[in-house]
Amino acid sequence: MFKTIVNNCGLEWEFTDRKNQIDFMDLTISIVGDHIETNLYEKPMSLHLFIPPHSCHPAACFGSLIHGSILRIFRLCSNREDVKFWMAKFFSYLLDRGFQQHRILPAFRKAVVAAEDFLARTEAQHQRRLRRRKTASCRKIAFHLRYHPNDPSSSTLQKLMKDHLFHPQGQLPLNQCANFNGDLVPIDGMVVAYSRAHNIGNLLSYRKICNRPGPKVSSFL
């Protein structure tokens, strides 16, 4: 009766019988005994198009890719053996994209330690860390820069900032200087905020059709 009513609403639905396991989004959810277990699920046609090593991206993007993917595996897999399986798969995907083993291994080791540390924290510890980061971010300035691989690295820029503004020889640090109101300058650090260079799509196609001269798009519909 329920299936008949649903299919009479304009769309024809496919129904499957009840079972103890289902694939939903990127998860395989299973009922095992009296508890639920989860595992990663990948579509058979997934191409695993990770950023290739020759791509013009800041070096931090590679580290973020490793750390984010490893943490995802640790959080979504209930069983340790599944964690090892998917880490090995992820490792092979990166090799297929052209990364070198000697570059991947150190990043993997750091990511595993970070993931285990993350999962070992209590909710109260997570909240304290978030509050500290939020407070610290309010006392940092953003240096917006379009990324180019031949420019000085972000670590070099950070060192210049620290040497000349926060630890200048014979001078007061920036955060100990007073502004026009007599208040100390509330700046303790800098974030290098990279933006990507324009790609072919940006150069050859319109991103804002409303700025194109002539009749509106809706006039052709």
N, C-alpha and C. Protein backbone atom coordinates (compact mmCIF):
# COMPACT_ATOMS: atom_id res chain seq x y z
N MET A 1 0.83 -1.20 0.00
CA MET A 1 0.00 0.00 0.00
C MET A 1 0.87 1.26 0.00
N PHE A 2 1.89 1.26 0.87
CA PHE A 2 2.78 2.41 0.96
C PHE A 2 3.50 2.64 -0.37
N LYS A 3 4.02 1.58 -1.00
CA LYS A 3 4.72 1.71 -2.27
C LYS A 3 3.80 2.25 -3.35
N THR A 4 2.56 1.81 -3.35
CA THR A 4 1.59 2.27 -4.36
C THR A 4 1.33 3.77 -4.21
N ILE A 5 1.16 4.22 -2.98
CA ILE A 5 0.89 5.64 -2.73
C ILE A 5 2.08 6.50 -3.17
N VAL A 6 3.28 6.06 -2.83
CA VAL A 6 4.48 6.83 -3.18
C VAL A 6 4.64 6.90 -4.70
N ASN A 7 4.43 5.80 -5.40
CA ASN A 7 4.61 5.78 -6.85
C ASN A 7 3.51 6.53 -7.59
N ASN A 8 2.40 6.83 -6.92
CA ASN A 8 1.33 7.61 -7.54
C ASN A 8 1.53 9.12 -7.41
N CYS A 9 2.70 9.54 -6.88
CA CYS A 9 2.97 10.96 -6.67
C CYS A 9 3.70 11.60 -7.85
N GLY A 10 3.87 10.87 -8.95
CA GLY A 10 4.50 11.44 -10.13
C GLY A 10 5.85 10.84 -10.47
N LEU A 11 6.52 10.25 -9.52
CA LEU A 11 7.81 9.61 -9.75
C LEU A 11 7.71 8.14 -9.41
N GLU A 12 8.45 7.33 -10.15
CA GLU A 12 8.47 5.90 -9.86
C GLU A 12 9.72 5.58 -9.05
N TRP A 13 9.52 5.03 -7.87
CA TRP A 13 10.61 4.74 -6.96
C TRP A 13 10.95 3.26 -6.99
N GLU A 14 12.24 2.97 -6.75
CA GLU A 14 12.69 1.59 -6.61
C GLU A 14 12.85 1.28 -5.12
N PHE A 15 12.23 0.21 -4.68
CA PHE A 15 12.29 -0.19 -3.27
C PHE A 15 13.13 -1.45 -3.13
N THR A 16 13.87 -1.49 -2.05
CA THR A 16 14.65 -2.69 -1.74
C THR A 16 14.17 -3.26 -0.41
N ASP A 17 14.41 -4.53 -0.23
CA ASP A 17 14.01 -5.17 1.01
C ASP A 17 14.89 -4.69 2.17
N ARG A 18 14.37 -4.80 3.36
CA ARG A 18 15.12 -4.44 4.55
C ARG A 18 16.35 -5.35 4.70
N LYS A 19 17.44 -4.75 5.14
CA LYS A 19 18.65 -5.54 5.38
C LYS A 19 19.49 -4.84 6.45
N ASN A 20 20.52 -5.51 6.89
CA ASN A 20 21.34 -5.00 7.98
C ASN A 20 22.52 -4.16 7.52
N GLN A 21 22.59 -3.88 6.22
CA GLN A 21 23.72 -3.09 5.70
C GLN A 21 23.25 -2.24 4.54
N ILE A 22 23.75 -0.99 4.49
CA ILE A 22 23.37 -0.10 3.41
C ILE A 22 24.51 0.86 3.11
N ASP A 23 24.65 1.25 1.85
CA ASP A 23 25.63 2.26 1.43
C ASP A 23 24.91 3.60 1.36
N PHE A 24 25.40 4.57 2.11
CA PHE A 24 24.79 5.90 2.13
C PHE A 24 25.90 6.94 2.03
N MET A 25 25.85 7.76 0.97
CA MET A 25 26.88 8.76 0.71
C MET A 25 28.25 8.05 0.64
N ASP A 26 29.18 8.42 1.54
CA ASP A 26 30.50 7.80 1.51
C ASP A 26 30.68 6.80 2.64
N LEU A 27 29.55 6.26 3.13
CA LEU A 27 29.59 5.32 4.24
C LEU A 27 28.90 4.01 3.90
N THR A 28 29.41 2.93 4.47
CA THR A 28 28.69 1.67 4.54
C THR A 28 28.30 1.48 6.00
N ILE A 29 27.00 1.48 6.26
CA ILE A 29 26.48 1.38 7.63
C ILE A 29 25.93 -0.02 7.83
N SER A 30 26.39 -0.67 8.90
CA SER A 30 25.98 -2.05 9.16
C SER A 30 25.49 -2.19 10.61
N ILE A 31 24.46 -3.01 10.77
CA ILE A 31 24.02 -3.40 12.10
C ILE A 31 24.68 -4.73 12.43
N VAL A 32 25.54 -4.70 13.43
CA VAL A 32 26.28 -5.91 13.83
C VAL A 32 25.91 -6.21 15.28
N GLY A 33 25.13 -7.25 15.49
CA GLY A 33 24.68 -7.57 16.85
C GLY A 33 23.78 -6.46 17.39
N ASP A 34 24.21 -5.86 18.48
CA ASP A 34 23.41 -4.80 19.10
C ASP A 34 24.01 -3.41 18.90
N HIS A 35 24.90 -3.25 17.90
CA HIS A 35 25.50 -1.94 17.67
C HIS A 35 25.68 -1.70 16.17
N ILE A 36 26.01 -0.46 15.84
CA ILE A 36 26.20 -0.05 14.44
C ILE A 36 27.69 0.12 14.16
N GLU A 37 28.13 -0.38 13.02
CA GLU A 37 29.49 -0.20 12.56
C GLU A 37 29.48 0.53 11.23
N THR A 38 30.51 1.34 11.01
CA THR A 38 30.61 2.10 9.76
C THR A 38 31.94 1.83 9.08
N ASN A 39 31.92 1.98 7.77
CA ASN A 39 33.12 1.79 6.96
C ASN A 39 33.01 2.74 5.78
N LEU A 40 34.13 3.08 5.18
CA LEU A 40 34.10 3.94 4.00
C LEU A 40 33.47 3.22 2.82
N TYR A 41 32.81 4.00 1.98
CA TYR A 41 32.25 3.45 0.75
C TYR A 41 32.69 4.32 -0.41
N GLU A 42 33.15 3.70 -1.48
CA GLU A 42 33.54 4.40 -2.69
C GLU A 42 32.71 3.92 -3.87
N LYS A 43 32.25 4.85 -4.66
CA LYS A 43 31.53 4.47 -5.86
C LYS A 43 32.47 3.75 -6.83
N PRO A 44 31.98 2.74 -7.52
CA PRO A 44 32.86 1.99 -8.44
C PRO A 44 33.50 2.87 -9.51
N MET A 45 32.82 3.97 -9.90
CA MET A 45 33.35 4.82 -10.97
C MET A 45 34.16 6.00 -10.44
N SER A 46 34.45 6.02 -9.15
CA SER A 46 35.23 7.12 -8.58
C SER A 46 36.61 7.18 -9.21
N LEU A 47 37.03 8.37 -9.64
CA LEU A 47 38.31 8.53 -10.35
C LEU A 47 39.45 8.95 -9.43
N HIS A 48 39.15 9.36 -8.19
CA HIS A 48 40.17 9.75 -7.22
C HIS A 48 41.10 10.82 -7.81
N LEU A 49 40.51 11.90 -8.28
CA LEU A 49 41.28 12.95 -8.94
C LEU A 49 41.83 13.95 -7.91
N PHE A 50 42.79 13.48 -7.12
CA PHE A 50 43.44 14.35 -6.16
C PHE A 50 44.37 15.34 -6.88
N ILE A 51 44.75 16.41 -6.17
CA ILE A 51 45.67 17.39 -6.75
C ILE A 51 46.96 16.69 -7.15
N PRO A 52 47.38 16.78 -8.40
CA PRO A 52 48.64 16.14 -8.82
C PRO A 52 49.84 16.91 -8.28
N PRO A 53 51.00 16.26 -8.18
CA PRO A 53 52.17 16.92 -7.58
C PRO A 53 52.69 18.10 -8.38
N HIS A 54 52.44 18.13 -9.69
CA HIS A 54 52.93 19.22 -10.51
C HIS A 54 51.96 20.40 -10.57
N SER A 55 50.84 20.32 -9.85
CA SER A 55 49.86 21.40 -9.87
C SER A 55 50.40 22.62 -9.14
N CYS A 56 50.02 23.80 -9.62
CA CYS A 56 50.51 25.05 -9.04
C CYS A 56 49.67 25.41 -7.82
N HIS A 57 49.88 24.66 -6.74
CA HIS A 57 49.18 24.91 -5.47
C HIS A 57 50.23 25.15 -4.38
N PRO A 58 49.88 25.94 -3.36
CA PRO A 58 50.79 26.09 -2.22
C PRO A 58 51.11 24.74 -1.60
N ALA A 59 52.30 24.61 -1.03
CA ALA A 59 52.72 23.34 -0.44
C ALA A 59 51.79 22.89 0.68
N ALA A 60 51.18 23.85 1.36
CA ALA A 60 50.28 23.50 2.47
C ALA A 60 49.06 22.72 1.99
N CYS A 61 48.68 22.89 0.74
CA CYS A 61 47.52 22.16 0.21
C CYS A 61 47.78 20.65 0.22
N PHE A 62 49.02 20.26 -0.06
CA PHE A 62 49.34 18.84 -0.05
C PHE A 62 49.22 18.28 1.36
N GLY A 63 49.75 19.02 2.35
CA GLY A 63 49.64 18.57 3.73
C GLY A 63 48.20 18.49 4.19
N SER A 64 47.39 19.47 3.78
CA SER A 64 45.98 19.46 4.17
C SER A 64 45.25 18.28 3.55
N LEU A 65 45.60 17.94 2.30
CA LEU A 65 45.00 16.78 1.64
C LEU A 65 45.27 15.50 2.42
N ILE A 66 46.53 15.31 2.84
CA ILE A 66 46.90 14.11 3.58
C ILE A 66 46.21 14.08 4.94
N HIS A 67 46.32 15.16 5.69
CA HIS A 67 45.78 15.19 7.05
C HIS A 67 44.26 15.05 7.02
N GLY A 68 43.59 15.76 6.11
CA GLY A 68 42.14 15.68 6.05
C GLY A 68 41.65 14.29 5.68
N SER A 69 42.31 13.67 4.71
CA SER A 69 41.89 12.34 4.26
C SER A 69 42.14 11.28 5.33
N ILE A 70 43.29 11.37 6.00
CA ILE A 70 43.61 10.39 7.05
C ILE A 70 42.63 10.54 8.22
N LEU A 71 42.34 11.76 8.61
CA LEU A 71 41.39 11.97 9.71
C LEU A 71 40.01 11.45 9.33
N ARG A 72 39.62 11.65 8.09
CA ARG A 72 38.32 11.13 7.61
C ARG A 72 38.28 9.62 7.73
N ILE A 73 39.35 8.95 7.36
CA ILE A 73 39.40 7.48 7.45
C ILE A 73 39.27 7.04 8.91
N PHE A 74 40.01 7.69 9.80
CA PHE A 74 39.97 7.32 11.22
C PHE A 74 38.58 7.54 11.81
N ARG A 75 37.92 8.63 11.41
CA ARG A 75 36.63 8.97 12.03
C ARG A 75 35.48 8.12 11.49
N LEU A 76 35.56 7.69 10.23
CA LEU A 76 34.43 7.00 9.63
C LEU A 76 34.54 5.48 9.68
N CYS A 77 35.72 4.96 9.99
CA CYS A 77 35.87 3.50 10.04
C CYS A 77 35.82 3.03 11.50
N SER A 78 34.92 2.10 11.79
CA SER A 78 34.80 1.58 13.14
C SER A 78 35.92 0.62 13.50
N ASN A 79 36.39 -0.15 12.54
CA ASN A 79 37.39 -1.19 12.80
C ASN A 79 38.77 -0.76 12.37
N ARG A 80 39.75 -1.09 13.18
CA ARG A 80 41.13 -0.71 12.91
C ARG A 80 41.63 -1.33 11.61
N GLU A 81 41.22 -2.54 11.31
CA GLU A 81 41.67 -3.19 10.06
C GLU A 81 41.16 -2.41 8.84
N ASP A 82 39.96 -1.87 8.94
CA ASP A 82 39.43 -1.06 7.84
C ASP A 82 40.23 0.23 7.68
N VAL A 83 40.68 0.79 8.81
CA VAL A 83 41.52 1.99 8.76
C VAL A 83 42.80 1.69 7.99
N LYS A 84 43.44 0.59 8.29
CA LYS A 84 44.68 0.21 7.60
C LYS A 84 44.42 -0.02 6.11
N PHE A 85 43.29 -0.67 5.80
CA PHE A 85 42.96 -0.97 4.41
C PHE A 85 42.81 0.32 3.60
N TRP A 86 42.03 1.28 4.13
CA TRP A 86 41.77 2.50 3.37
C TRP A 86 42.98 3.43 3.32
N MET A 87 43.81 3.38 4.34
CA MET A 87 45.05 4.16 4.28
C MET A 87 45.96 3.63 3.17
N ALA A 88 46.02 2.31 3.04
CA ALA A 88 46.82 1.72 1.96
C ALA A 88 46.24 2.08 0.60
N LYS A 89 44.90 2.09 0.50
CA LYS A 89 44.26 2.47 -0.76
C LYS A 89 44.56 3.93 -1.11
N PHE A 90 44.44 4.80 -0.11
CA PHE A 90 44.70 6.22 -0.32
C PHE A 90 46.15 6.42 -0.74
N PHE A 91 47.06 5.69 -0.12
CA PHE A 91 48.48 5.77 -0.48
C PHE A 91 48.67 5.40 -1.95
N SER A 92 48.01 4.33 -2.38
CA SER A 92 48.15 3.89 -3.78
C SER A 92 47.53 4.90 -4.74
N TYR A 93 46.44 5.55 -4.32
CA TYR A 93 45.83 6.57 -5.18
C TYR A 93 46.80 7.73 -5.43
N LEU A 94 47.51 8.14 -4.38
CA LEU A 94 48.46 9.24 -4.53
C LEU A 94 49.63 8.83 -5.42
N LEU A 95 50.08 7.60 -5.30
CA LEU A 95 51.15 7.12 -6.18
C LEU A 95 50.68 7.13 -7.63
N ASP A 96 49.44 6.74 -7.86
CA ASP A 96 48.88 6.73 -9.21
C ASP A 96 48.80 8.16 -9.79
N ARG A 97 48.64 9.15 -8.91
CA ARG A 97 48.55 10.54 -9.37
C ARG A 97 49.92 11.14 -9.63
N GLY A 98 50.99 10.40 -9.30
CA GLY A 98 52.33 10.88 -9.61
C GLY A 98 53.17 11.29 -8.42
N PHE A 99 52.65 11.14 -7.19
CA PHE A 99 53.43 11.50 -6.01
C PHE A 99 54.51 10.45 -5.76
N GLN A 100 55.60 10.88 -5.13
CA GLN A 100 56.70 9.99 -4.82
C GLN A 100 56.58 9.45 -3.39
N GLN A 101 56.93 8.19 -3.21
CA GLN A 101 56.77 7.53 -1.92
C GLN A 101 57.52 8.26 -0.81
N HIS A 102 58.74 8.74 -1.11
CA HIS A 102 59.55 9.39 -0.07
C HIS A 102 58.92 10.69 0.39
N ARG A 103 58.07 11.27 -0.42
CA ARG A 103 57.39 12.50 -0.02
C ARG A 103 56.11 12.20 0.76
N ILE A 104 55.45 11.10 0.42
CA ILE A 104 54.18 10.77 1.06
C ILE A 104 54.37 10.23 2.47
N LEU A 105 55.34 9.35 2.67
CA LEU A 105 55.47 8.66 3.95
C LEU A 105 55.59 9.60 5.16
N PRO A 106 56.47 10.62 5.13
CA PRO A 106 56.54 11.50 6.30
C PRO A 106 55.22 12.22 6.60
N ALA A 107 54.52 12.62 5.55
CA ALA A 107 53.23 13.29 5.74
C ALA A 107 52.20 12.34 6.31
N PHE A 108 52.25 11.07 5.89
CA PHE A 108 51.33 10.06 6.43
C PHE A 108 51.59 9.84 7.92
N ARG A 109 52.84 9.76 8.31
CA ARG A 109 53.17 9.52 9.73
C ARG A 109 52.65 10.67 10.59
N LYS A 110 52.86 11.90 10.15
CA LYS A 110 52.37 13.05 10.92
C LYS A 110 50.85 13.05 10.98
N ALA A 111 50.21 12.69 9.87
CA ALA A 111 48.75 12.71 9.82
C ALA A 111 48.14 11.66 10.74
N VAL A 112 48.78 10.49 10.83
CA VAL A 112 48.27 9.43 11.71
C VAL A 112 48.37 9.87 13.17
N VAL A 113 49.50 10.46 13.54
CA VAL A 113 49.67 10.95 14.92
C VAL A 113 48.63 12.02 15.23
N ALA A 114 48.41 12.94 14.28
CA ALA A 114 47.44 14.02 14.49
C ALA A 114 46.03 13.47 14.61
N ALA A 115 45.69 12.46 13.78
CA ALA A 115 44.35 11.88 13.83
C ALA A 115 44.11 11.15 15.15
N GLU A 116 45.08 10.40 15.61
CA GLU A 116 44.94 9.69 16.89
C GLU A 116 44.82 10.67 18.05
N ASP A 117 45.58 11.77 17.98
CA ASP A 117 45.50 12.80 19.02
C ASP A 117 44.12 13.47 19.00
N PHE A 118 43.60 13.73 17.80
CA PHE A 118 42.29 14.35 17.67
C PHE A 118 41.21 13.48 18.29
N LEU A 119 41.23 12.19 17.99
CA LEU A 119 40.18 11.29 18.48
C LEU A 119 40.31 11.02 19.98
N ALA A 120 41.50 11.25 20.54
CA ALA A 120 41.70 11.00 21.97
C ALA A 120 41.18 12.15 22.83
N ARG A 121 40.91 13.30 22.23
CA ARG A 121 40.45 14.45 23.00
C ARG A 121 38.98 14.31 23.37
N THR A 122 38.64 14.86 24.52
CA THR A 122 37.24 14.92 24.92
C THR A 122 36.56 16.09 24.24
N GLU A 123 35.23 16.13 24.31
CA GLU A 123 34.49 17.24 23.73
C GLU A 123 34.87 18.57 24.38
N ALA A 124 35.10 18.54 25.70
CA ALA A 124 35.50 19.77 26.41
C ALA A 124 36.86 20.26 25.90
N GLN A 125 37.78 19.34 25.63
CA GLN A 125 39.09 19.73 25.09
C GLN A 125 38.97 20.31 23.70
N HIS A 126 38.09 19.73 22.87
CA HIS A 126 37.86 20.28 21.53
C HIS A 126 37.34 21.71 21.62
N GLN A 127 36.40 21.95 22.52
CA GLN A 127 35.82 23.28 22.66
C GLN A 127 36.85 24.30 23.15
N ARG A 128 37.70 23.88 24.07
CA ARG A 128 38.75 24.79 24.56
C ARG A 128 39.71 25.16 23.44
N ARG A 129 40.09 24.18 22.63
CA ARG A 129 40.99 24.46 21.50
C ARG A 129 40.34 25.40 20.50
N LEU A 130 39.06 25.20 20.24
CA LEU A 130 38.35 26.08 19.30
C LEU A 130 38.29 27.51 19.82
N ARG A 131 38.05 27.66 21.13
CA ARG A 131 38.00 29.01 21.71
C ARG A 131 39.37 29.69 21.64
N ARG A 132 40.44 28.92 21.91
CA ARG A 132 41.78 29.50 21.84
C ARG A 132 42.11 29.93 20.41
N ARG A 133 41.76 29.09 19.45
CA ARG A 133 42.03 29.43 18.05
C ARG A 133 41.23 30.65 17.61
N LYS A 134 39.99 30.73 18.05
CA LYS A 134 39.15 31.87 17.68
C LYS A 134 39.72 33.16 18.26
N THR A 135 40.16 33.10 19.52
CA THR A 135 40.75 34.28 20.14
C THR A 135 42.04 34.69 19.42
N ALA A 136 42.88 33.69 19.11
CA ALA A 136 44.15 33.98 18.45
C ALA A 136 43.94 34.53 17.04
N SER A 137 42.93 34.03 16.33
CA SER A 137 42.69 34.49 14.96
C SER A 137 42.26 35.94 14.93
N CYS A 138 41.63 36.42 16.01
CA CYS A 138 41.20 37.82 16.07
C CYS A 138 42.37 38.77 16.21
N ARG A 139 43.54 38.23 16.55
CA ARG A 139 44.72 39.07 16.75
C ARG A 139 45.77 38.82 15.65
N LYS A 140 45.28 38.38 14.50
CA LYS A 140 46.18 38.17 13.36
C LYS A 140 45.68 38.97 12.16
N ILE A 141 46.61 39.43 11.36
CA ILE A 141 46.26 40.12 10.13
C ILE A 141 46.43 39.16 8.96
N ALA A 142 45.71 39.41 7.89
CA ALA A 142 45.77 38.55 6.70
C ALA A 142 46.57 39.26 5.61
N PHE A 143 47.56 38.57 5.10
CA PHE A 143 48.35 39.07 3.98
C PHE A 143 47.87 38.34 2.73
N HIS A 144 47.05 39.02 1.92
CA HIS A 144 46.46 38.41 0.74
C HIS A 144 47.47 38.45 -0.41
N LEU A 145 47.68 37.28 -0.99
CA LEU A 145 48.70 37.15 -2.02
C LEU A 145 48.27 36.12 -3.04
N ARG A 146 48.40 36.46 -4.31
CA ARG A 146 48.14 35.48 -5.36
C ARG A 146 49.32 34.53 -5.46
N TYR A 147 49.05 33.24 -5.37
CA TYR A 147 50.13 32.27 -5.26
C TYR A 147 50.90 32.13 -6.57
N HIS A 148 52.22 32.06 -6.42
CA HIS A 148 53.11 31.74 -7.54
C HIS A 148 54.26 30.92 -6.97
N PRO A 149 54.59 29.80 -7.59
CA PRO A 149 55.62 28.91 -7.02
C PRO A 149 56.99 29.55 -6.90
N ASN A 150 57.28 30.61 -7.66
CA ASN A 150 58.59 31.26 -7.60
C ASN A 150 58.66 32.37 -6.56
N ASP A 151 57.56 32.68 -5.92
CA ASP A 151 57.56 33.69 -4.85
C ASP A 151 58.17 33.11 -3.58
N PRO A 152 58.56 33.97 -2.63
CA PRO A 152 59.02 33.47 -1.33
C PRO A 152 57.94 32.62 -0.67
N SER A 153 58.33 31.59 0.05
CA SER A 153 57.37 30.70 0.70
C SER A 153 56.67 31.43 1.84
N SER A 154 55.55 30.85 2.27
CA SER A 154 54.81 31.46 3.38
C SER A 154 55.64 31.46 4.66
N SER A 155 56.47 30.42 4.86
CA SER A 155 57.32 30.38 6.05
C SER A 155 58.36 31.50 6.02
N THR A 156 58.87 31.83 4.83
CA THR A 156 59.81 32.94 4.70
C THR A 156 59.13 34.26 5.03
N LEU A 157 57.91 34.45 4.54
CA LEU A 157 57.16 35.67 4.84
C LEU A 157 56.85 35.77 6.33
N GLN A 158 56.50 34.65 6.94
CA GLN A 158 56.22 34.64 8.37
C GLN A 158 57.48 35.02 9.17
N LYS A 159 58.63 34.51 8.76
CA LYS A 159 59.88 34.81 9.46
C LYS A 159 60.22 36.29 9.34
N LEU A 160 60.02 36.87 8.15
CA LEU A 160 60.28 38.30 7.97
C LEU A 160 59.37 39.13 8.87
N MET A 161 58.11 38.71 8.97
CA MET A 161 57.15 39.41 9.83
C MET A 161 57.61 39.36 11.29
N LYS A 162 58.02 38.18 11.74
CA LYS A 162 58.44 38.02 13.14
C LYS A 162 59.72 38.81 13.42
N ASP A 163 60.69 38.73 12.50
CA ASP A 163 61.98 39.38 12.72
C ASP A 163 61.86 40.90 12.74
N HIS A 164 61.03 41.47 11.87
CA HIS A 164 61.00 42.92 11.71
C HIS A 164 59.86 43.62 12.44
N LEU A 165 58.81 42.88 12.79
CA LEU A 165 57.68 43.52 13.45
C LEU A 165 57.46 43.03 14.88
N PHE A 166 57.70 41.76 15.14
CA PHE A 166 57.43 41.23 16.47
C PHE A 166 58.69 41.05 17.32
N HIS A 167 59.86 40.97 16.69
CA HIS A 167 61.12 40.88 17.44
C HIS A 167 62.18 41.78 16.79
N PRO A 168 61.88 43.05 16.59
CA PRO A 168 62.86 43.95 15.95
C PRO A 168 64.00 44.29 16.92
N GLN A 169 65.20 44.34 16.41
CA GLN A 169 66.36 44.65 17.26
C GLN A 169 66.32 46.11 17.70
N GLY A 170 66.35 46.32 19.01
CA GLY A 170 66.40 47.66 19.55
C GLY A 170 65.11 48.44 19.45
N GLN A 171 64.02 47.81 19.04
CA GLN A 171 62.74 48.50 18.89
C GLN A 171 61.64 47.73 19.62
N LEU A 172 60.54 48.45 19.90
CA LEU A 172 59.41 47.79 20.53
C LEU A 172 58.71 46.87 19.53
N PRO A 173 58.28 45.68 19.95
CA PRO A 173 57.46 44.84 19.07
C PRO A 173 56.16 45.54 18.71
N LEU A 174 55.60 45.16 17.60
CA LEU A 174 54.38 45.82 17.12
C LEU A 174 53.26 45.76 18.16
N ASN A 175 53.08 44.61 18.82
CA ASN A 175 51.98 44.47 19.77
C ASN A 175 52.23 45.18 21.10
N GLN A 176 53.39 45.86 21.21
CA GLN A 176 53.65 46.68 22.39
C GLN A 176 53.66 48.17 22.07
N CYS A 177 53.34 48.48 20.81
CA CYS A 177 53.24 49.88 20.39
C CYS A 177 51.80 50.36 20.57
N ALA A 178 51.64 51.64 20.88
CA ALA A 178 50.31 52.21 21.09
C ALA A 178 49.81 52.87 19.81
N ASN A 179 48.49 52.79 19.58
CA ASN A 179 47.89 53.47 18.43
C ASN A 179 47.50 54.89 18.81
N PHE A 180 46.74 55.57 17.94
CA PHE A 180 46.38 56.96 18.19
C PHE A 180 45.51 57.12 19.43
N ASN A 181 44.81 56.06 19.83
CA ASN A 181 43.96 56.13 21.01
C ASN A 181 44.69 55.75 22.29
N GLY A 182 45.95 55.42 22.15
CA GLY A 182 46.72 55.03 23.32
C GLY A 182 46.61 53.56 23.66
N ASP A 183 45.90 52.79 22.84
CA ASP A 183 45.74 51.35 23.07
C ASP A 183 46.85 50.59 22.36
N LEU A 184 47.23 49.45 22.93
CA LEU A 184 48.24 48.62 22.29
C LEU A 184 47.69 48.01 21.00
N VAL A 185 48.55 47.91 20.01
CA VAL A 185 48.14 47.34 18.72
C VAL A 185 47.80 45.86 18.92
N PRO A 186 46.56 45.45 18.63
CA PRO A 186 46.13 44.05 18.92
C PRO A 186 46.50 43.08 17.82
N ILE A 187 47.79 43.01 17.47
CA ILE A 187 48.24 42.12 16.39
C ILE A 187 49.40 41.28 16.91
N ASP A 188 49.20 39.97 16.91
CA ASP A 188 50.23 39.04 17.38
C ASP A 188 50.81 38.16 16.28
N GLY A 189 50.25 38.20 15.09
CA GLY A 189 50.73 37.32 14.04
C GLY A 189 50.12 37.66 12.70
N MET A 190 50.47 36.85 11.72
CA MET A 190 50.02 37.09 10.35
C MET A 190 49.62 35.77 9.70
N VAL A 191 48.59 35.81 8.89
CA VAL A 191 48.15 34.66 8.09
C VAL A 191 48.40 34.99 6.63
N VAL A 192 49.16 34.15 5.94
CA VAL A 192 49.37 34.33 4.51
C VAL A 192 48.18 33.70 3.79
N ALA A 193 47.30 34.55 3.26
CA ALA A 193 46.06 34.09 2.62
C ALA A 193 46.26 34.06 1.10
N TYR A 194 46.54 32.87 0.60
CA TYR A 194 46.79 32.73 -0.84
C TYR A 194 45.48 32.67 -1.62
N SER A 195 45.49 33.23 -2.81
CA SER A 195 44.42 33.02 -3.78
C SER A 195 45.07 32.46 -5.04
N ARG A 196 44.30 31.69 -5.78
CA ARG A 196 44.89 31.06 -6.96
C ARG A 196 44.91 32.04 -8.13
N ALA A 197 45.82 31.77 -9.06
CA ALA A 197 45.87 32.56 -10.28
C ALA A 197 44.69 32.20 -11.18
N HIS A 198 44.33 33.07 -12.09
CA HIS A 198 43.24 32.79 -13.02
C HIS A 198 43.61 31.62 -13.93
N ASN A 199 42.65 30.74 -14.13
CA ASN A 199 42.87 29.63 -15.06
C ASN A 199 42.22 29.96 -16.41
N ILE A 200 42.27 28.99 -17.32
CA ILE A 200 41.74 29.23 -18.67
C ILE A 200 40.25 29.55 -18.62
N GLY A 201 39.54 28.87 -17.72
CA GLY A 201 38.11 29.12 -17.59
C GLY A 201 37.81 30.55 -17.18
N ASN A 202 38.62 31.09 -16.26
CA ASN A 202 38.43 32.48 -15.84
C ASN A 202 38.69 33.46 -16.97
N LEU A 203 39.66 33.12 -17.81
CA LEU A 203 40.07 34.04 -18.86
C LEU A 203 39.17 34.00 -20.09
N LEU A 204 38.59 32.83 -20.37
CA LEU A 204 37.86 32.67 -21.63
C LEU A 204 36.35 32.56 -21.48
N SER A 205 35.85 32.39 -20.27
CA SER A 205 34.40 32.24 -20.10
C SER A 205 33.89 33.24 -19.07
N TYR A 206 32.61 33.57 -19.22
CA TYR A 206 31.99 34.52 -18.30
C TYR A 206 31.59 33.83 -17.01
N ARG A 207 31.97 34.44 -15.88
CA ARG A 207 31.54 33.93 -14.58
C ARG A 207 30.30 34.67 -14.09
N LYS A 208 30.13 35.90 -14.57
CA LYS A 208 28.97 36.69 -14.19
C LYS A 208 28.23 37.09 -15.47
N ILE A 209 27.27 36.26 -15.82
CA ILE A 209 26.56 36.48 -17.08
C ILE A 209 25.82 37.81 -17.07
N CYS A 210 25.43 38.29 -15.88
CA CYS A 210 24.69 39.54 -15.81
C CYS A 210 25.51 40.72 -16.31
N ASN A 211 26.86 40.59 -16.34
CA ASN A 211 27.71 41.68 -16.81
C ASN A 211 27.93 41.65 -18.32
N ARG A 212 27.43 40.60 -18.96
CA ARG A 212 27.61 40.51 -20.41
C ARG A 212 26.65 41.46 -21.11
N PRO A 213 27.14 42.23 -22.12
CA PRO A 213 26.25 43.17 -22.82
C PRO A 213 25.24 42.42 -23.68
N GLY A 214 24.09 43.05 -23.90
CA GLY A 214 23.06 42.45 -24.72
C GLY A 214 21.86 42.01 -23.90
N PRO A 215 20.92 41.31 -24.53
CA PRO A 215 19.69 40.87 -23.82
C PRO A 215 20.03 39.93 -22.67
N LYS A 216 19.17 39.91 -21.66
CA LYS A 216 19.36 39.03 -20.53
C LYS A 216 19.18 37.57 -20.96
N VAL A 217 19.79 36.68 -20.21
CA VAL A 217 19.68 35.24 -20.52
C VAL A 217 18.23 34.81 -20.50
N SER A 218 17.44 35.35 -19.55
CA SER A 218 16.04 34.95 -19.44
C SER A 218 15.22 35.28 -20.68
N SER A 219 15.70 36.22 -21.49
CA SER A 219 14.93 36.58 -22.69
C SER A 219 14.99 35.49 -23.76
N PHE A 220 15.93 34.55 -23.64
CA PHE A 220 16.05 33.48 -24.61
C PHE A 220 15.31 32.22 -24.17
N LEU A 221 14.78 32.22 -22.95
CA LEU A 221 14.12 31.03 -22.41
C LEU A 221 12.63 31.07 -22.67
